[in-house]
Protein backbone atom coordinates (compact mmCIF):
# COMPACT_ATOMS: atom_id res chain seq x y z
CA MET A 1 41.91 9.52 -3.28
CA PRO A 2 39.86 9.42 -0.06
CA ARG A 3 36.91 11.77 0.10
CA SER A 4 35.73 13.40 3.24
CA SER A 5 33.17 15.99 4.15
CA LEU A 6 32.89 18.68 6.73
CA GLN A 7 29.68 20.09 8.08
CA LEU A 8 29.74 23.56 9.61
CA TYR A 9 26.95 25.04 11.71
CA PRO A 10 26.84 28.84 11.55
CA PHE A 11 25.45 30.94 14.37
CA ILE A 12 24.11 34.46 14.36
CA CYS A 13 25.56 36.19 17.40
CA SER A 14 25.91 39.61 18.90
CA LEU A 15 28.66 40.95 21.11
CA GLN A 16 27.13 42.38 24.27
CA SER A 17 30.34 43.53 25.94
CA GLY A 18 34.04 42.85 26.13
CA GLU A 19 36.34 41.84 23.30
CA VAL A 20 36.55 38.90 20.92
CA LYS A 21 39.43 36.59 21.85
CA ALA A 22 40.85 34.21 19.25
CA LEU A 23 41.19 30.77 20.84
CA GLU A 24 41.25 28.51 17.78
CA HIS A 25 42.49 30.89 15.07
CA ALA A 26 45.32 33.35 14.61
CA GLN A 27 42.90 36.27 14.36
CA ALA A 28 39.30 37.04 15.19
CA ILE A 29 37.49 40.29 14.49
CA TRP A 30 33.89 41.41 14.95
CA VAL A 31 32.40 43.25 11.99
CA ALA A 32 28.97 44.45 11.01
CA ILE A 33 27.07 41.90 8.95
CA ASP A 34 26.95 44.24 5.95
CA GLN A 35 30.78 44.26 5.91
CA LEU A 36 31.22 40.49 5.63
CA LEU A 37 31.49 40.46 1.84
CA ASP A 38 34.34 42.99 2.06
CA TYR A 39 36.61 40.16 3.24
CA ASP A 40 38.40 37.48 1.22
CA LEU A 41 36.23 34.52 2.17
CA ALA A 42 36.43 30.96 0.94
CA GLU A 43 34.08 30.29 -1.98
CA ALA A 44 32.30 27.69 0.15
CA ASP A 45 31.52 30.35 2.79
CA LEU A 46 29.76 32.76 0.43
CA PRO A 47 26.31 31.06 0.30
CA ILE A 48 25.93 31.06 4.10
CA VAL A 49 27.24 34.63 4.39
CA ARG A 50 24.71 35.79 1.79
CA GLU A 51 21.96 33.86 3.58
CA ASN A 52 22.86 35.51 6.90
CA ILE A 53 22.86 38.96 5.28
CA ALA A 54 19.42 38.27 3.77
CA TYR A 55 18.14 37.02 7.14
CA ASP A 56 19.47 40.10 8.93
CA THR A 57 17.83 42.38 6.37
CA SER A 58 14.49 40.57 6.65
CA ILE A 59 14.22 40.98 10.44
CA LYS A 60 14.90 44.73 10.45
């Protein structure tokens, strides 16, 4: 079975004005960072989500 890998680069962003428009996905929503773990995320996404939450907490 062929193996492949995917490398994702997360960004920390803020919405200054307007609305989020889904261009590549069926749905896009903007939520507060402390709400991210309320969603059914892929297991592989959890480490980076937790890291972003910790980063956000450390800069406040």
